[in-house]
Amino acid sequence: MAGLHIPPIWLWCGAIVIGAFLIGQFFRRPGRATWVILRNIAIGCVLVLAVNWVGAYLHFHLPFNPLTAVTAGILGIPGIAALIALKLWVMV
């Protein structure tokens, strides 16, 4: 078995569902949704930096970019766990 292959259609479906949810929240309460999204992204930045700070002792590093910050911000602790698992899975 060469590896797990996820068809691109499923990835697009997931992206569309998440995008529709975010757009729906934005049109429901534009000001509140904007602040919640910005707050969550800021929290995601802090979480990624915290993982990198602790990971410095374990020789582990997550890339710090907008995608990781948004993932951690929207998903919270499960998002950080997913980023760590993805990093460990890809970099074996």
N, C-alpha and C. Protein backbone atom coordinates (compact mmCIF):
# COMPACT_ATOMS: atom_id res chain seq x y z
N MET A 1 0.84 -1.17 0.00
CA MET A 1 0.00 0.00 0.00
C MET A 1 0.89 1.23 0.00
N ALA A 2 0.72 2.08 -0.97
CA ALA A 2 1.58 3.24 -1.16
C ALA A 2 1.31 4.34 -0.13
N GLY A 3 0.11 4.46 0.35
CA GLY A 3 -0.23 5.50 1.31
C GLY A 3 -1.68 5.89 1.19
N LEU A 4 -2.10 6.70 2.10
CA LEU A 4 -3.49 7.15 2.11
C LEU A 4 -3.66 8.25 1.08
N HIS A 5 -4.66 8.09 0.23
CA HIS A 5 -4.94 9.09 -0.79
C HIS A 5 -6.37 9.58 -0.61
N ILE A 6 -6.51 10.86 -0.35
CA ILE A 6 -7.83 11.47 -0.22
C ILE A 6 -8.14 12.17 -1.53
N PRO A 7 -9.25 11.80 -2.16
CA PRO A 7 -9.60 12.47 -3.42
C PRO A 7 -9.79 13.97 -3.21
N PRO A 8 -9.33 14.78 -4.15
CA PRO A 8 -9.44 16.24 -3.99
C PRO A 8 -10.87 16.73 -3.82
N ILE A 9 -11.84 16.00 -4.31
CA ILE A 9 -13.23 16.45 -4.19
C ILE A 9 -13.64 16.55 -2.72
N TRP A 10 -13.16 15.64 -1.87
CA TRP A 10 -13.49 15.68 -0.44
C TRP A 10 -12.84 16.88 0.24
N LEU A 11 -11.64 17.21 -0.17
CA LEU A 11 -10.97 18.38 0.39
C LEU A 11 -11.71 19.66 0.00
N TRP A 12 -12.15 19.73 -1.25
CA TRP A 12 -12.92 20.89 -1.69
C TRP A 12 -14.26 20.98 -0.97
N CYS A 13 -14.91 19.84 -0.77
CA CYS A 13 -16.19 19.84 -0.04
C CYS A 13 -16.00 20.37 1.38
N GLY A 14 -14.95 19.93 2.05
CA GLY A 14 -14.67 20.42 3.40
C GLY A 14 -14.40 21.91 3.42
N ALA A 15 -13.63 22.39 2.45
CA ALA A 15 -13.32 23.82 2.37
C ALA A 15 -14.59 24.64 2.10
N ILE A 16 -15.47 24.12 1.27
CA ILE A 16 -16.71 24.84 0.96
C ILE A 16 -17.62 24.89 2.18
N VAL A 17 -17.71 23.81 2.93
CA VAL A 17 -18.55 23.79 4.13
C VAL A 17 -18.03 24.78 5.17
N ILE A 18 -16.73 24.79 5.40
CA ILE A 18 -16.13 25.73 6.35
C ILE A 18 -16.32 27.16 5.87
N GLY A 19 -16.10 27.40 4.58
CA GLY A 19 -16.28 28.74 4.02
C GLY A 19 -17.73 29.21 4.13
N ALA A 20 -18.68 28.32 3.86
CA ALA A 20 -20.09 28.69 3.97
C ALA A 20 -20.45 29.03 5.41
N PHE A 21 -19.93 28.28 6.35
CA PHE A 21 -20.18 28.57 7.76
C PHE A 21 -19.63 29.94 8.14
N LEU A 22 -18.41 30.24 7.74
CA LEU A 22 -17.81 31.53 8.07
C LEU A 22 -18.55 32.69 7.41
N ILE A 23 -18.95 32.52 6.17
CA ILE A 23 -19.70 33.58 5.47
C ILE A 23 -21.07 33.77 6.12
N GLY A 24 -21.71 32.68 6.51
CA GLY A 24 -23.01 32.78 7.18
C GLY A 24 -22.90 33.51 8.51
N GLN A 25 -21.86 33.22 9.27
CA GLN A 25 -21.65 33.92 10.53
C GLN A 25 -21.38 35.40 10.30
N PHE A 26 -20.64 35.70 9.25
CA PHE A 26 -20.30 37.08 8.97
C PHE A 26 -21.55 37.90 8.61
N PHE A 27 -22.44 37.36 7.80
CA PHE A 27 -23.63 38.10 7.40
C PHE A 27 -24.68 38.17 8.50
N ARG A 28 -24.60 37.25 9.44
CA ARG A 28 -25.55 37.28 10.54
C ARG A 28 -25.26 38.45 11.48
N ARG A 29 -24.01 38.60 11.84
CA ARG A 29 -23.57 39.71 12.70
C ARG A 29 -22.19 40.13 12.23
N PRO A 30 -22.10 41.07 11.29
CA PRO A 30 -20.81 41.38 10.68
C PRO A 30 -19.75 41.88 11.67
N GLY A 31 -20.10 42.79 12.53
CA GLY A 31 -19.10 43.34 13.46
C GLY A 31 -18.64 42.31 14.46
N ARG A 32 -19.58 41.58 15.02
CA ARG A 32 -19.24 40.57 16.02
C ARG A 32 -18.42 39.44 15.40
N ALA A 33 -18.82 38.99 14.22
CA ALA A 33 -18.12 37.89 13.57
C ALA A 33 -16.68 38.28 13.25
N THR A 34 -16.48 39.51 12.81
CA THR A 34 -15.13 39.96 12.49
C THR A 34 -14.25 39.94 13.72
N TRP A 35 -14.76 40.45 14.84
CA TRP A 35 -13.96 40.46 16.07
C TRP A 35 -13.70 39.05 16.58
N VAL A 36 -14.68 38.16 16.48
CA VAL A 36 -14.49 36.78 16.92
C VAL A 36 -13.42 36.10 16.08
N ILE A 37 -13.48 36.29 14.77
CA ILE A 37 -12.48 35.68 13.88
C ILE A 37 -11.09 36.23 14.18
N LEU A 38 -10.97 37.54 14.34
CA LEU A 38 -9.66 38.13 14.65
C LEU A 38 -9.15 37.67 16.01
N ARG A 39 -10.05 37.58 17.00
CA ARG A 39 -9.64 37.10 18.32
C ARG A 39 -9.15 35.65 18.25
N ASN A 40 -9.88 34.81 17.51
CA ASN A 40 -9.49 33.41 17.39
C ASN A 40 -8.16 33.26 16.66
N ILE A 41 -7.92 34.08 15.65
CA ILE A 41 -6.63 34.03 14.95
C ILE A 41 -5.51 34.45 15.88
N ALA A 42 -5.74 35.47 16.70
CA ALA A 42 -4.72 35.90 17.67
C ALA A 42 -4.44 34.80 18.69
N ILE A 43 -5.49 34.14 19.16
CA ILE A 43 -5.31 33.02 20.08
C ILE A 43 -4.55 31.90 19.40
N GLY A 44 -4.85 31.65 18.12
CA GLY A 44 -4.13 30.63 17.36
C GLY A 44 -2.65 30.96 17.24
N CYS A 45 -2.33 32.23 17.03
CA CYS A 45 -0.92 32.64 16.98
C CYS A 45 -0.22 32.35 18.30
N VAL A 46 -0.89 32.68 19.39
CA VAL A 46 -0.30 32.44 20.71
C VAL A 46 -0.12 30.94 20.96
N LEU A 47 -1.10 30.13 20.55
CA LEU A 47 -0.98 28.68 20.74
C LEU A 47 0.16 28.09 19.91
N VAL A 48 0.30 28.53 18.67
CA VAL A 48 1.40 28.03 17.83
C VAL A 48 2.74 28.45 18.43
N LEU A 49 2.84 29.68 18.89
CA LEU A 49 4.08 30.13 19.53
C LEU A 49 4.36 29.37 20.81
N ALA A 50 3.32 29.03 21.58
CA ALA A 50 3.50 28.25 22.81
C ALA A 50 4.01 26.84 22.48
N VAL A 51 3.45 26.24 21.43
CA VAL A 51 3.92 24.91 21.03
C VAL A 51 5.38 25.00 20.59
N ASN A 52 5.75 26.04 19.86
CA ASN A 52 7.14 26.19 19.44
C ASN A 52 8.06 26.45 20.62
N TRP A 53 7.58 27.17 21.63
CA TRP A 53 8.40 27.44 22.82
C TRP A 53 8.67 26.16 23.59
N VAL A 54 7.61 25.36 23.81
CA VAL A 54 7.78 24.08 24.49
C VAL A 54 8.55 23.11 23.59
N GLY A 55 8.27 23.16 22.31
CA GLY A 55 8.94 22.28 21.36
C GLY A 55 10.42 22.55 21.20
N ALA A 56 10.89 23.74 21.60
CA ALA A 56 12.31 24.04 21.51
C ALA A 56 13.12 23.09 22.40
N TYR A 57 12.53 22.66 23.50
CA TYR A 57 13.20 21.73 24.40
C TYR A 57 13.18 20.31 23.86
N LEU A 58 12.23 20.03 22.97
CA LEU A 58 12.07 18.68 22.41
C LEU A 58 12.52 18.59 20.96
N HIS A 59 13.10 19.67 20.46
CA HIS A 59 13.53 19.76 19.05
C HIS A 59 12.36 19.55 18.10
N PHE A 60 11.25 20.23 18.38
CA PHE A 60 10.05 20.17 17.56
C PHE A 60 9.64 21.59 17.21
N HIS A 61 9.23 21.79 15.96
CA HIS A 61 8.88 23.13 15.50
C HIS A 61 7.69 23.05 14.55
N LEU A 62 6.67 23.88 14.81
CA LEU A 62 5.57 24.04 13.86
C LEU A 62 5.83 25.30 13.04
N PRO A 63 5.60 25.26 11.76
CA PRO A 63 5.79 26.48 10.97
C PRO A 63 4.79 27.54 11.40
N PHE A 64 5.25 28.76 11.49
CA PHE A 64 4.38 29.87 11.89
C PHE A 64 4.02 30.65 10.65
N ASN A 65 2.80 30.43 10.15
CA ASN A 65 2.30 31.13 8.97
C ASN A 65 0.80 31.35 9.12
N PRO A 66 0.18 32.10 8.23
CA PRO A 66 -1.26 32.38 8.39
C PRO A 66 -2.12 31.12 8.43
N LEU A 67 -1.77 30.10 7.68
CA LEU A 67 -2.58 28.88 7.65
C LEU A 67 -2.57 28.18 9.00
N THR A 68 -1.41 28.05 9.63
CA THR A 68 -1.36 27.40 10.93
C THR A 68 -2.06 28.24 12.00
N ALA A 69 -1.93 29.57 11.92
CA ALA A 69 -2.59 30.44 12.90
C ALA A 69 -4.11 30.36 12.76
N VAL A 70 -4.62 30.36 11.54
CA VAL A 70 -6.07 30.28 11.32
C VAL A 70 -6.58 28.90 11.74
N THR A 71 -5.85 27.85 11.41
CA THR A 71 -6.25 26.50 11.81
C THR A 71 -6.33 26.39 13.32
N ALA A 72 -5.30 26.87 14.00
CA ALA A 72 -5.30 26.82 15.47
C ALA A 72 -6.36 27.73 16.05
N GLY A 73 -6.61 28.87 15.43
CA GLY A 73 -7.61 29.80 15.93
C GLY A 73 -9.02 29.31 15.77
N ILE A 74 -9.33 28.71 14.65
CA ILE A 74 -10.70 28.25 14.40
C ILE A 74 -10.97 26.95 15.16
N LEU A 75 -10.01 26.03 15.16
CA LEU A 75 -10.24 24.73 15.78
C LEU A 75 -9.79 24.65 17.23
N GLY A 76 -8.98 25.59 17.69
CA GLY A 76 -8.53 25.60 19.08
C GLY A 76 -7.53 24.49 19.37
N ILE A 77 -7.66 23.89 20.55
CA ILE A 77 -6.74 22.83 20.97
C ILE A 77 -6.77 21.64 20.01
N PRO A 78 -7.95 21.19 19.53
CA PRO A 78 -7.93 20.10 18.54
C PRO A 78 -7.18 20.49 17.26
N GLY A 79 -7.23 21.77 16.89
CA GLY A 79 -6.48 22.23 15.72
C GLY A 79 -4.99 22.14 15.94
N ILE A 80 -4.53 22.51 17.14
CA ILE A 80 -3.11 22.38 17.46
C ILE A 80 -2.70 20.92 17.43
N ALA A 81 -3.54 20.06 18.02
CA ALA A 81 -3.25 18.62 18.00
C ALA A 81 -3.20 18.09 16.58
N ALA A 82 -4.09 18.57 15.71
CA ALA A 82 -4.08 18.14 14.32
C ALA A 82 -2.82 18.62 13.60
N LEU A 83 -2.40 19.85 13.88
CA LEU A 83 -1.17 20.35 13.26
C LEU A 83 0.05 19.55 13.72
N ILE A 84 0.10 19.21 15.00
CA ILE A 84 1.21 18.42 15.52
C ILE A 84 1.20 17.03 14.89
N ALA A 85 0.01 16.40 14.85
CA ALA A 85 -0.09 15.06 14.24
C ALA A 85 0.29 15.10 12.77
N LEU A 86 -0.15 16.13 12.06
CA LEU A 86 0.19 16.25 10.63
C LEU A 86 1.68 16.43 10.45
N LYS A 87 2.29 17.25 11.29
CA LYS A 87 3.74 17.46 11.20
C LYS A 87 4.49 16.16 11.46
N LEU A 88 4.09 15.42 12.49
CA LEU A 88 4.75 14.16 12.80
C LEU A 88 4.50 13.11 11.73
N TRP A 89 3.32 13.12 11.13
CA TRP A 89 2.98 12.14 10.10
C TRP A 89 3.73 12.42 8.80
N VAL A 90 3.82 13.67 8.41
CA VAL A 90 4.45 14.02 7.14
C VAL A 90 5.98 13.94 7.26
N MET A 91 6.51 14.32 8.40
CA MET A 91 7.96 14.38 8.55
C MET A 91 8.58 13.13 9.17
N VAL A 92 7.97 11.99 8.95
CA VAL A 92 8.52 10.74 9.50
C VAL A 92 9.75 10.35 8.77
